[in-house]
C-alpha cells in the first residue's frame, strides 16, 4: 500500500504561537508537529490526524512578515451543512478570526 498524499499549505506569520492557537481552537485542529530553528525558521503543523491536509505556519527569526497582499488572499474551509456551519463560524470568531466581506463572491 502506498502512503497517503497530504496537502500541506504553508503560511508565514509573525505571531506563531498566537496564530497556531487561533487555528487550533477555531478550526478544531490539533498540533501534529513542528520544528524550531530549522535554518532560522520555527514552525507549527496543524490539522486532523485522519484528514489529508495540514496547515504549516512558519516564522523566520529576525524577519517581519507583512499582512496578506490583497483582499482575495484567503484560506477557505467549506462546511456543507448549515447547522454546524453556524456553530463553526461562532467558534472561529471566538478564536480571533475576522469576518470579512467576500471580494470574490
PDB file of N, CA and C in Angstrom:
ATOM      1  N   UNK A   1       0.844  -1.179   0.000  1.00  0.00           N
ATOM      2  CA  UNK A   1       0.000   0.000   0.000  1.00  0.00           C
ATOM      3  C   UNK A   1       0.888   1.241   0.000  1.00  0.00           C
ATOM      4  N   UNK A   2       0.604   2.184  -0.876  1.00  0.00           N
ATOM      5  CA  UNK A   2       1.401   3.404  -0.935  1.00  0.00           C
ATOM      6  C   UNK A   2       0.930   4.402   0.123  1.00  0.00           C
ATOM      7  N   UNK A   3       1.826   5.269   0.594  1.00  0.00           N
ATOM      8  CA  UNK A   3       1.447   6.252   1.601  1.00  0.00           C
ATOM      9  C   UNK A   3       0.433   7.248   1.042  1.00  0.00           C
ATOM     10  N   UNK A   4      -0.394   7.772   1.922  1.00  0.00           N
ATOM     11  CA  UNK A   4      -1.389   8.766   1.532  1.00  0.00           C
ATOM     12  C   UNK A   4      -0.703  10.093   1.268  1.00  0.00           C
ATOM     13  N   UNK A   5      -1.066  10.726   0.186  1.00  0.00           N
ATOM     14  CA  UNK A   5      -0.546  12.057  -0.099  1.00  0.00           C
ATOM     15  C   UNK A   5      -1.302  13.065   0.759  1.00  0.00           C
ATOM     16  N   UNK A   6      -0.579  14.059   1.251  1.00  0.00           N
ATOM     17  CA  UNK A   6      -1.167  15.075   2.118  1.00  0.00           C
ATOM     18  C   UNK A   6      -0.894  16.436   1.515  1.00  0.00           C
ATOM     19  N   UNK A   7      -1.932  17.249   1.418  1.00  0.00           N
ATOM     20  CA  UNK A   7      -1.777  18.636   1.005  1.00  0.00           C
ATOM     21  C   UNK A   7      -1.396  19.435   2.239  1.00  0.00           C
ATOM     22  N   UNK A   8      -0.277  20.129   2.180  1.00  0.00           N
ATOM     23  CA  UNK A   8       0.135  20.988   3.282  1.00  0.00           C
ATOM     24  C   UNK A   8       0.298  22.390   2.738  1.00  0.00           C
ATOM     25  N   UNK A   9      -0.458  23.310   3.310  1.00  0.00           N
ATOM     26  CA  UNK A   9      -0.382  24.714   2.932  1.00  0.00           C
ATOM     27  C   UNK A   9       0.494  25.404   3.958  1.00  0.00           C
ATOM     28  N   UNK A  10       1.547  26.053   3.508  1.00  0.00           N
ATOM     29  CA  UNK A  10       2.475  26.745   4.401  1.00  0.00           C
ATOM     30  C   UNK A  10       2.229  28.250   4.315  1.00  0.00           C
ATOM     31  N   UNK A  11       2.085  28.864   5.476  1.00  0.00           N
ATOM     32  CA  UNK A  11       1.846  30.307   5.541  1.00  0.00           C
ATOM     33  C   UNK A  11       2.826  30.929   6.526  1.00  0.00           C
ATOM     34  N   UNK A  12       3.494  32.011   6.147  1.00  0.00           N
ATOM     35  CA  UNK A  12       4.376  32.693   7.088  1.00  0.00           C
ATOM     36  C   UNK A  12       3.556  33.582   8.033  1.00  0.00           C
ATOM     37  N   UNK A  13       4.060  33.750   9.232  1.00  0.00           N
ATOM     38  CA  UNK A  13       3.389  34.599  10.206  1.00  0.00           C
ATOM     39  C   UNK A  13       4.418  35.121  11.198  1.00  0.00           C
ATOM     40  N   UNK A  14       4.105  36.211  11.865  1.00  0.00           N
ATOM     41  CA  UNK A  14       4.977  36.708  12.924  1.00  0.00           C
ATOM     42  C   UNK A  14       4.557  36.162  14.285  1.00  0.00           C
ATOM     43  N   UNK A  15       3.273  36.243  14.654  1.00  0.00           N
ATOM     44  CA  UNK A  15       2.879  35.750  15.985  1.00  0.00           C
ATOM     45  C   UNK A  15       2.577  34.251  15.947  1.00  0.00           C
ATOM     46  N   UNK A  16       3.614  33.432  15.765  1.00  0.00           N
ATOM     47  CA  UNK A  16       3.442  31.998  15.544  1.00  0.00           C
ATOM     48  C   UNK A  16       2.585  31.305  16.605  1.00  0.00           C
ATOM     49  N   UNK A  17       2.900  31.415  17.903  1.00  0.00           N
ATOM     50  CA  UNK A  17       2.066  30.719  18.893  1.00  0.00           C
ATOM     51  C   UNK A  17       0.610  31.187  18.893  1.00  0.00           C
ATOM     52  N   UNK A  18       0.380  32.489  18.747  1.00  0.00           N
ATOM     53  CA  UNK A  18      -0.994  33.011  18.765  1.00  0.00           C
ATOM     54  C   UNK A  18      -1.791  32.547  17.551  1.00  0.00           C
ATOM     55  N   UNK A  19      -1.192  32.561  16.380  1.00  0.00           N
ATOM     56  CA  UNK A  19      -1.881  32.112  15.165  1.00  0.00           C
ATOM     57  C   UNK A  19      -2.169  30.619  15.253  1.00  0.00           C
ATOM     58  N   UNK A  20      -1.203  29.833  15.733  1.00  0.00           N
ATOM     59  CA  UNK A  20      -1.424  28.397  15.863  1.00  0.00           C
ATOM     60  C   UNK A  20      -2.566  28.111  16.829  1.00  0.00           C
ATOM     61  N   UNK A  21      -2.625  28.813  17.939  1.00  0.00           N
ATOM     62  CA  UNK A  21      -3.713  28.619  18.906  1.00  0.00           C
ATOM     63  C   UNK A  21      -5.059  29.017  18.300  1.00  0.00           C
ATOM     64  N   UNK A  22      -5.085  30.130  17.561  1.00  0.00           N
ATOM     65  CA  UNK A  22      -6.328  30.589  16.941  1.00  0.00           C
ATOM     66  C   UNK A  22      -6.862  29.540  15.962  1.00  0.00           C
ATOM     67  N   UNK A  23      -5.994  28.996  15.112  1.00  0.00           N
ATOM     68  CA  UNK A  23      -6.435  27.992  14.146  1.00  0.00           C
ATOM     69  C   UNK A  23      -6.798  26.677  14.825  1.00  0.00           C
ATOM     70  N   UNK A  24      -6.058  26.289  15.838  1.00  0.00           N
ATOM     71  CA  UNK A  24      -6.385  25.056  16.550  1.00  0.00           C
ATOM     72  C   UNK A  24      -7.761  25.170  17.195  1.00  0.00           C
ATOM     73  N   UNK A  25      -8.018  26.277  17.869  1.00  0.00           N
ATOM     74  CA  UNK A  25      -9.312  26.469  18.530  1.00  0.00           C
ATOM     75  C   UNK A  25     -10.436  26.709  17.521  1.00  0.00           C
ATOM     76  N   UNK A  26     -10.205  27.598  16.582  1.00  0.00           N
ATOM     77  CA  UNK A  26     -11.251  27.988  15.643  1.00  0.00           C
ATOM     78  C   UNK A  26     -11.649  26.917  14.654  1.00  0.00           C
ATOM     79  N   UNK A  27     -10.712  26.056  14.283  1.00  0.00           N
ATOM     80  CA  UNK A  27     -10.996  25.012  13.301  1.00  0.00           C
ATOM     81  C   UNK A  27     -11.036  23.621  13.912  1.00  0.00           C
ATOM     82  N   UNK A  28     -10.756  23.540  15.199  1.00  0.00           N
ATOM     83  CA  UNK A  28     -10.745  22.228  15.845  1.00  0.00           C
ATOM     84  C   UNK A  28      -9.558  21.384  15.408  1.00  0.00           C
ATOM     85  N   UNK A  29      -8.463  22.041  14.995  1.00  0.00           N
ATOM     86  CA  UNK A  29      -7.264  21.329  14.571  1.00  0.00           C
ATOM     87  C   UNK A  29      -6.434  20.925  15.780  1.00  0.00           C
ATOM     88  N   UNK A  30      -5.553  19.969  15.562  1.00  0.00           N
ATOM     89  CA  UNK A  30      -4.593  19.531  16.568  1.00  0.00           C
ATOM     90  C   UNK A  30      -3.194  19.888  16.085  1.00  0.00           C
ATOM     91  N   UNK A  31      -2.303  20.058  17.025  1.00  0.00           N
ATOM     92  CA  UNK A  31      -0.898  20.239  16.654  1.00  0.00           C
ATOM     93  C   UNK A  31      -0.355  18.868  16.275  1.00  0.00           C
ATOM     94  N   UNK A  32       0.054  18.721  15.028  1.00  0.00           N
ATOM     95  CA  UNK A  32       0.547  17.444  14.522  1.00  0.00           C
ATOM     96  C   UNK A  32       2.066  17.360  14.548  1.00  0.00           C
ATOM     97  N   UNK A  33       2.700  18.506  14.636  1.00  0.00           N
ATOM     98  CA  UNK A  33       4.154  18.521  14.633  1.00  0.00           C
ATOM     99  C   UNK A  33       4.665  19.936  14.635  1.00  0.00           C
ATOM    100  N   UNK A  34       5.947  20.058  14.532  1.00  0.00           N
ATOM    101  CA  UNK A  34       6.560  21.372  14.495  1.00  0.00           C
ATOM    102  C   UNK A  34       8.067  21.264  14.486  1.00  0.00           C
ATOM    103  N   UNK A  35       8.709  22.418  14.444  1.00  0.00           N
ATOM    104  CA  UNK A  35      10.168  22.446  14.439  1.00  0.00           C
ATOM    105  C   UNK A  35      10.631  23.797  14.966  1.00  0.00           C
ATOM    106  N   UNK A  36      11.857  23.811  15.490  1.00  0.00           N
ATOM    107  CA  UNK A  36      12.470  25.040  15.994  1.00  0.00           C
ATOM    108  C   UNK A  36      13.847  25.212  15.385  1.00  0.00           C
ATOM    109  N   UNK A  37      14.128  26.428  14.976  1.00  0.00           N
ATOM    110  CA  UNK A  37      15.418  26.835  14.433  1.00  0.00           C
ATOM    111  C   UNK A  37      15.928  25.905  13.335  1.00  0.00           C
ATOM    112  N   UNK A  38      15.061  25.643  12.371  1.00  0.00           N
ATOM    113  CA  UNK A  38      15.472  24.917  11.166  1.00  0.00           C
ATOM    114  C   UNK A  38      15.974  25.964  10.180  1.00  0.00           C
ATOM    115  N   UNK A  39      17.276  26.193  10.184  1.00  0.00           N
ATOM    116  CA  UNK A  39      17.895  27.252   9.374  1.00  0.00           C
ATOM    117  C   UNK A  39      17.236  28.608   9.636  1.00  0.00           C
ATOM    118  N   UNK A  40      16.923  28.891  10.912  1.00  0.00           N
ATOM    119  CA  UNK A  40      16.354  30.182  11.285  1.00  0.00           C
ATOM    120  C   UNK A  40      14.835  30.232  11.271  1.00  0.00           C
ATOM    121  N   UNK A  41      14.185  29.129  10.942  1.00  0.00           N
ATOM    122  CA  UNK A  41      12.724  29.073  10.894  1.00  0.00           C
ATOM    123  C   UNK A  41      12.183  28.212  12.031  1.00  0.00           C
ATOM    124  N   UNK A  42      11.061  28.654  12.580  1.00  0.00           N
ATOM    125  CA  UNK A  42      10.270  27.862  13.512  1.00  0.00           C
ATOM    126  C   UNK A  42       8.963  27.549  12.812  1.00  0.00           C
ATOM    127  N   UNK A  43       8.326  26.449  13.158  1.00  0.00           N
ATOM    128  CA  UNK A  43       7.068  26.097  12.503  1.00  0.00           C
ATOM    129  C   UNK A  43       6.179  25.237  13.365  1.00  0.00           C
ATOM    130  N   UNK A  44       4.890  25.338  13.101  1.00  0.00           N
ATOM    131  CA  UNK A  44       3.887  24.522  13.764  1.00  0.00           C
ATOM    132  C   UNK A  44       2.979  23.955  12.683  1.00  0.00           C
ATOM    133  N   UNK A  45       2.731  22.640  12.728  1.00  0.00           N
ATOM    134  CA  UNK A  45       1.888  21.955  11.746  1.00  0.00           C
ATOM    135  C   UNK A  45       0.588  21.574  12.441  1.00  0.00           C
ATOM    136  N   UNK A  46      -0.524  22.024  11.873  1.00  0.00           N
ATOM    137  CA  UNK A  46      -1.849  21.781  12.430  1.00  0.00           C
ATOM    138  C   UNK A  46      -2.697  20.994  11.456  1.00  0.00           C
ATOM    139  N   UNK A  47      -3.664  20.244  11.985  1.00  0.00           N
ATOM    140  CA  UNK A  47      -4.611  19.522  11.145  1.00  0.00           C
ATOM    141  C   UNK A  47      -5.354  18.484  11.952  1.00  0.00           C
ATOM    142  N   UNK A  48      -5.980  17.591  11.250  1.00  0.00           N
ATOM    143  CA  UNK A  48      -6.647  16.428  11.838  1.00  0.00           C
ATOM    144  C   UNK A  48      -5.835  15.210  11.428  1.00  0.00           C
ATOM    145  N   UNK A  49      -5.519  14.334  12.356  1.00  0.00           N
ATOM    146  CA  UNK A  49      -4.701  13.171  12.006  1.00  0.00           C
ATOM    147  C   UNK A  49      -5.276  12.317  10.874  1.00  0.00           C
ATOM    148  N   UNK A  50      -6.591  12.279  10.720  1.00  0.00           N
ATOM    149  CA  UNK A  50      -7.195  11.426   9.694  1.00  0.00           C
ATOM    150  C   UNK A  50      -7.542  12.165   8.408  1.00  0.00           C
ATOM    151  N   UNK A  51      -7.229  13.454   8.316  1.00  0.00           N
ATOM    152  CA  UNK A  51      -7.544  14.214   7.105  1.00  0.00           C
ATOM    153  C   UNK A  51      -6.278  14.441   6.282  1.00  0.00           C
ATOM    154  N   UNK A  52      -6.401  14.427   4.959  1.00  0.00           N
ATOM    155  CA  UNK A  52      -5.225  14.532   4.099  1.00  0.00           C
ATOM    156  C   UNK A  52      -4.800  15.974   3.799  1.00  0.00           C
ATOM    157  N   UNK A  53      -4.966  16.868   4.772  1.00  0.00           N
ATOM    158  CA  UNK A  53      -4.486  18.242   4.593  1.00  0.00           C
ATOM    159  C   UNK A  53      -4.015  18.781   5.935  1.00  0.00           C
ATOM    160  N   UNK A  54      -3.004  19.642   5.864  1.00  0.00           N
ATOM    161  CA  UNK A  54      -2.435  20.288   7.040  1.00  0.00           C
ATOM    162  C   UNK A  54      -2.198  21.759   6.725  1.00  0.00           C
ATOM    163  N   UNK A  55      -2.066  22.548   7.770  1.00  0.00           N
ATOM    164  CA  UNK A  55      -1.589  23.919   7.633  1.00  0.00           C
ATOM    165  C   UNK A  55      -0.292  24.011   8.422  1.00  0.00           C
ATOM    166  N   UNK A  56       0.721  24.535   7.786  1.00  0.00           N
ATOM    167  CA  UNK A  56       2.013  24.738   8.436  1.00  0.00           C
ATOM    168  C   UNK A  56       2.249  26.237   8.535  1.00  0.00           C
ATOM    169  N   UNK A  57       2.358  26.729   9.746  1.00  0.00           N
ATOM    170  CA  UNK A  57       2.682  28.138   9.964  1.00  0.00           C
ATOM    171  C   UNK A  57       4.158  28.226  10.304  1.00  0.00           C
ATOM    172  N   UNK A  58       4.849  29.161   9.656  1.00  0.00           N
ATOM    173  CA  UNK A  58       6.273  29.323   9.884  1.00  0.00           C
ATOM    174  C   UNK A  58       6.576  30.756  10.287  1.00  0.00           C
ATOM    175  N   UNK A  59       7.662  30.898  11.008  1.00  0.00           N
ATOM    176  CA  UNK A  59       8.149  32.207  11.419  1.00  0.00           C
ATOM    177  C   UNK A  59       9.660  32.193  11.269  1.00  0.00           C
ATOM    178  N   UNK A  60      10.182  33.206  10.595  1.00  0.00           N
ATOM    179  CA  UNK A  60      11.623  33.301  10.405  1.00  0.00           C
ATOM    180  C   UNK A  60      12.187  34.279  11.421  1.00  0.00           C
ATOM    181  N   UNK A  61      13.154  33.837  12.164  1.00  0.00           N
ATOM    182  CA  UNK A  61      13.763  34.677  13.197  1.00  0.00           C
ATOM    183  C   UNK A  61      14.410  35.908  12.575  1.00  0.00           C
ATOM    184  N   UNK A  62      14.089  37.077  13.143  1.00  0.00           N
ATOM    185  CA  UNK A  62      14.666  38.329  12.661  1.00  0.00           C
ATOM    186  C   UNK A  62      14.010  38.881  11.409  1.00  0.00           C
ATOM    187  N   UNK A  63      12.908  38.295  10.959  1.00  0.00           N
ATOM    188  CA  UNK A  63      12.224  38.740   9.734  1.00  0.00           C
ATOM    189  C   UNK A  63      10.768  39.045  10.065  1.00  0.00           C
ATOM    190  N   UNK A  64      10.263  40.158   9.575  1.00  0.00           N
ATOM    191  CA  UNK A  64       8.873  40.552   9.811  1.00  0.00           C
ATOM    192  C   UNK A  64       8.048  40.265   8.551  1.00  0.00           C
ATOM    193  N   UNK A  65       6.962  39.532   8.726  1.00  0.00           N
ATOM    194  CA  UNK A  65       6.071  39.195   7.615  1.00  0.00           C
ATOM    195  C   UNK A  65       4.974  40.249   7.537  1.00  0.00           C
ATOM    196  N   UNK A  66       4.717  40.729   6.350  1.00  0.00           N
ATOM    197  CA  UNK A  66       3.633  41.683   6.177  1.00  0.00           C
ATOM    198  C   UNK A  66       2.310  40.940   6.053  1.00  0.00           C
ATOM    199  N   UNK A  67       1.223  41.678   6.209  1.00  0.00           N
ATOM    200  CA  UNK A  67      -0.105  41.080   6.067  1.00  0.00           C
ATOM    201  C   UNK A  67      -0.303  40.584   4.638  1.00  0.00           C
ATOM    202  N   UNK A  68      -1.311  39.733   4.462  1.00  0.00           N
ATOM    203  CA  UNK A  68      -1.624  39.210   3.128  1.00  0.00           C
ATOM    204  C   UNK A  68      -1.728  40.374   2.139  1.00  0.00           C
ATOM    205  N   UNK A  69      -1.257  40.180   0.920  1.00  0.00           N
ATOM    206  CA  UNK A  69      -1.132  41.302  -0.011  1.00  0.00           C
ATOM    207  C   UNK A  69      -2.441  41.880  -0.544  1.00  0.00           C
ATOM    208  N   UNK A  70      -3.540  41.140  -0.495  1.00  0.00           N
ATOM    209  CA  UNK A  70      -4.775  41.710  -1.024  1.00  0.00           C
ATOM    210  C   UNK A  70      -5.995  41.051  -0.387  1.00  0.00           C
ATOM    211  N   UNK A  71      -7.165  41.557  -0.728  1.00  0.00           N
ATOM    212  CA  UNK A  71      -8.402  41.072  -0.106  1.00  0.00           C
ATOM    213  C   UNK A  71      -8.844  39.703  -0.621  1.00  0.00           C
ATOM    214  N   UNK A  72      -8.163  39.180  -1.629  1.00  0.00           N
ATOM    215  CA  UNK A  72      -8.513  37.864  -2.162  1.00  0.00           C
ATOM    216  C   UNK A  72      -7.507  36.798  -1.730  1.00  0.00           C
ATOM    217  N   UNK A  73      -6.663  37.123  -0.777  1.00  0.00           N
ATOM    218  CA  UNK A  73      -5.640  36.208  -0.268  1.00  0.00           C
ATOM    219  C   UNK A  73      -6.229  35.496   0.947  1.00  0.00           C
ATOM    220  N   UNK A  74      -6.939  34.395   0.699  1.00  0.00           N
ATOM    221  CA  UNK A  74      -7.716  33.741   1.750  1.00  0.00           C
ATOM    222  C   UNK A  74      -7.431  32.247   1.809  1.00  0.00           C
ATOM    223  N   UNK A  75      -7.658  31.661   2.981  1.00  0.00           N
ATOM    224  CA  UNK A  75      -7.799  30.219   3.122  1.00  0.00           C
ATOM    225  C   UNK A  75      -9.286  29.981   3.316  1.00  0.00           C
ATOM    226  N   UNK A  76      -9.876  29.103   2.532  1.00  0.00           N
ATOM    227  CA  UNK A  76     -11.321  28.883   2.579  1.00  0.00           C
ATOM    228  C   UNK A  76     -11.590  27.446   3.012  1.00  0.00           C
ATOM    229  N   UNK A  77     -12.411  27.297   4.054  1.00  0.00           N
ATOM    230  CA  UNK A  77     -12.855  25.989   4.519  1.00  0.00           C
ATOM    231  C   UNK A  77     -14.365  25.936   4.343  1.00  0.00           C
ATOM    232  N   UNK A  78     -14.831  24.951   3.615  1.00  0.00           N
ATOM    233  CA  UNK A  78     -16.256  24.824   3.349  1.00  0.00           C
ATOM    234  C   UNK A  78     -16.905  23.877   4.347  1.00  0.00           C
ATOM    235  N   UNK A  79     -18.044  24.271   4.845  1.00  0.00           N
ATOM    236  CA  UNK A  79     -18.875  23.429   5.712  1.00  0.00           C
ATOM    237  C   UNK A  79     -20.191  23.249   4.977  1.00  0.00           C
ATOM    238  N   UNK A  80     -20.462  22.060   4.415  1.00  0.00           N
ATOM    239  CA  UNK A  80     -21.635  21.877   3.568  1.00  0.00           C
ATOM    240  C   UNK A  80     -22.969  21.899   4.309  1.00  0.00           C
ATOM    241  N   UNK A  81     -22.990  21.592   5.583  1.00  0.00           N
ATOM    242  CA  UNK A  81     -24.239  21.543   6.348  1.00  0.00           C
ATOM    243  C   UNK A  81     -24.434  22.865   7.088  1.00  0.00           C
ATOM    244  N   UNK A  82     -25.570  23.576   6.892  1.00  0.00           N
ATOM    245  CA  UNK A  82     -25.751  24.894   7.504  1.00  0.00           C
ATOM    246  C   UNK A  82     -25.841  24.878   9.033  1.00  0.00           C
ATOM    247  N   UNK A  83     -26.262  23.765   9.636  1.00  0.00           N
ATOM    248  CA  UNK A  83     -26.399  23.744  11.095  1.00  0.00           C
ATOM    249  C   UNK A  83     -25.041  23.795  11.794  1.00  0.00           C
ATOM    250  N   UNK A  84     -24.118  22.894  11.481  1.00  0.00           N
ATOM    251  CA  UNK A  84     -22.805  23.028  12.122  1.00  0.00           C
ATOM    252  C   UNK A  84     -22.038  24.250  11.619  1.00  0.00           C
ATOM    253  N   UNK A  85     -22.392  24.742  10.429  1.00  0.00           N
ATOM    254  CA  UNK A  85     -21.722  25.919   9.879  1.00  0.00           C
ATOM    255  C   UNK A  85     -21.866  27.107  10.822  1.00  0.00           C
ATOM    256  N   UNK A  86     -23.041  27.337  11.363  1.00  0.00           N
ATOM    257  CA  UNK A  86     -23.249  28.463  12.283  1.00  0.00           C
ATOM    258  C   UNK A  86     -22.388  28.312  13.535  1.00  0.00           C
ATOM    259  N   UNK A  87     -22.354  27.128  14.106  1.00  0.00           N
ATOM    260  CA  UNK A  87     -21.537  26.883  15.294  1.00  0.00           C
ATOM    261  C   UNK A  87     -20.047  27.033  14.976  1.00  0.00           C
ATOM    262  N   UNK A  88     -19.658  26.561  13.797  1.00  0.00           N
ATOM    263  CA  UNK A  88     -18.267  26.687  13.384  1.00  0.00           C
ATOM    264  C   UNK A  88     -17.883  28.149  13.215  1.00  0.00           C
ATOM    265  N   UNK A  89     -18.752  28.944  12.611  1.00  0.00           N
ATOM    266  CA  UNK A  89     -18.478  30.379  12.444  1.00  0.00           C
ATOM    267  C   UNK A  89     -18.327  31.064  13.800  1.00  0.00           C
ATOM    268  N   UNK A  90     -19.205  30.752  14.734  1.00  0.00           N
ATOM    269  CA  UNK A  90     -19.134  31.346  16.068  1.00  0.00           C
ATOM    270  C   UNK A  90     -17.822  30.959  16.753  1.00  0.00           C
ATOM    271  N   UNK A  91     -17.415  29.692  16.636  1.00  0.00           N
ATOM    272  CA  UNK A  91     -16.164  29.243  17.251  1.00  0.00           C
ATOM    273  C   UNK A  91     -14.969  29.953  16.632  1.00  0.00           C
ATOM    274  N   UNK A  92     -14.996  30.167  15.337  1.00  0.00           N
ATOM    275  CA  UNK A  92     -13.880  30.854  14.668  1.00  0.00           C
ATOM    276  C   UNK A  92     -13.791  32.310  15.106  1.00  0.00           C
ATOM    277  N   UNK A  93     -14.922  32.990  15.197  1.00  0.00           N
ATOM    278  CA  UNK A  93     -14.912  34.379  15.660  1.00  0.00           C
ATOM    279  C   UNK A  93     -14.402  34.453  17.098  1.00  0.00           C
ATOM    280  N   UNK A  94     -14.837  33.528  17.930  1.00  0.00           N
ATOM    281  CA  UNK A  94     -14.386  33.468  19.325  1.00  0.00           C
ATOM    282  C   UNK A  94     -12.876  33.248  19.406  1.00  0.00           C
ATOM    283  N   UNK A  95     -12.340  32.491  18.468  1.00  0.00           N
ATOM    284  CA  UNK A  95     -10.910  32.190  18.450  1.00  0.00           C
ATOM    285  C   UNK A  95     -10.073  33.362  17.957  1.00  0.00           C
ATOM    286  N   UNK A  96     -10.708  34.354  17.323  1.00  0.00           N
ATOM    287  CA  UNK A  96      -9.964  35.517  16.852  1.00  0.00           C
ATOM    288  C   UNK A  96      -9.963  35.733  15.360  1.00  0.00           C
ATOM    289  N   UNK A  97     -10.648  34.873  14.607  1.00  0.00           N
ATOM    290  CA  UNK A  97     -10.763  35.093  13.171  1.00  0.00           C
ATOM    291  C   UNK A  97     -11.589  36.343  12.915  1.00  0.00           C
ATOM    292  N   UNK A  98     -11.354  36.982  11.802  1.00  0.00           N
ATOM    293  CA  UNK A  98     -12.133  38.153  11.411  1.00  0.00           C
ATOM    294  C   UNK A  98     -13.106  37.788  10.315  1.00  0.00           C
ATOM    295  N   UNK A  99     -14.318  38.296  10.424  1.00  0.00           N
ATOM    296  CA  UNK A  99     -15.296  38.121   9.369  1.00  0.00           C
ATOM    297  C   UNK A  99     -15.112  39.269   8.388  1.00  0.00           C
ATOM    298  N   UNK A 100     -14.920  38.937   7.130  1.00  0.00           N
ATOM    299  CA  UNK A 100     -14.691  39.953   6.105  1.00  0.00           C
ATOM    300  C   UNK A 100     -15.654  39.728   4.951  1.00  0.00           C
ATOM    301  N   UNK A 101     -16.024  40.809   4.277  1.00  0.00           N
ATOM    302  CA  UNK A 101     -16.878  40.633   3.096  1.00  0.00           C
ATOM    303  C   UNK A 101     -16.098  39.929   1.989  1.00  0.00           C
ATOM    304  N   UNK A 102     -16.804  39.121   1.226  1.00  0.00           N
ATOM    305  CA  UNK A 102     -16.157  38.393   0.136  1.00  0.00           C
ATOM    306  C   UNK A 102     -15.766  39.338  -0.983  1.00  0.00           C
ATOM    307  N   UNK A 103     -14.531  39.285  -1.403  1.00  0.00           N
ATOM    308  CA  UNK A 103     -14.072  40.047  -2.559  1.00  0.00           C
ATOM    309  C   UNK A 103     -14.551  39.371  -3.825  1.00  0.00           C
ATOM    310  N   UNK A 104     -14.502  38.020  -3.839  1.00  0.00           N
ATOM    311  CA  UNK A 104     -14.905  37.225  -4.984  1.00  0.00           C
ATOM    312  C   UNK A 104     -16.083  36.344  -4.528  1.00  0.00           C
ATOM    313  N   UNK A 105     -17.315  36.795  -4.767  1.00  0.00           N
ATOM    314  CA  UNK A 105     -18.462  36.053  -4.270  1.00  0.00           C
ATOM    315  C   UNK A 105     -18.620  34.704  -4.954  1.00  0.00           C
TER     316      UNK A 105
END
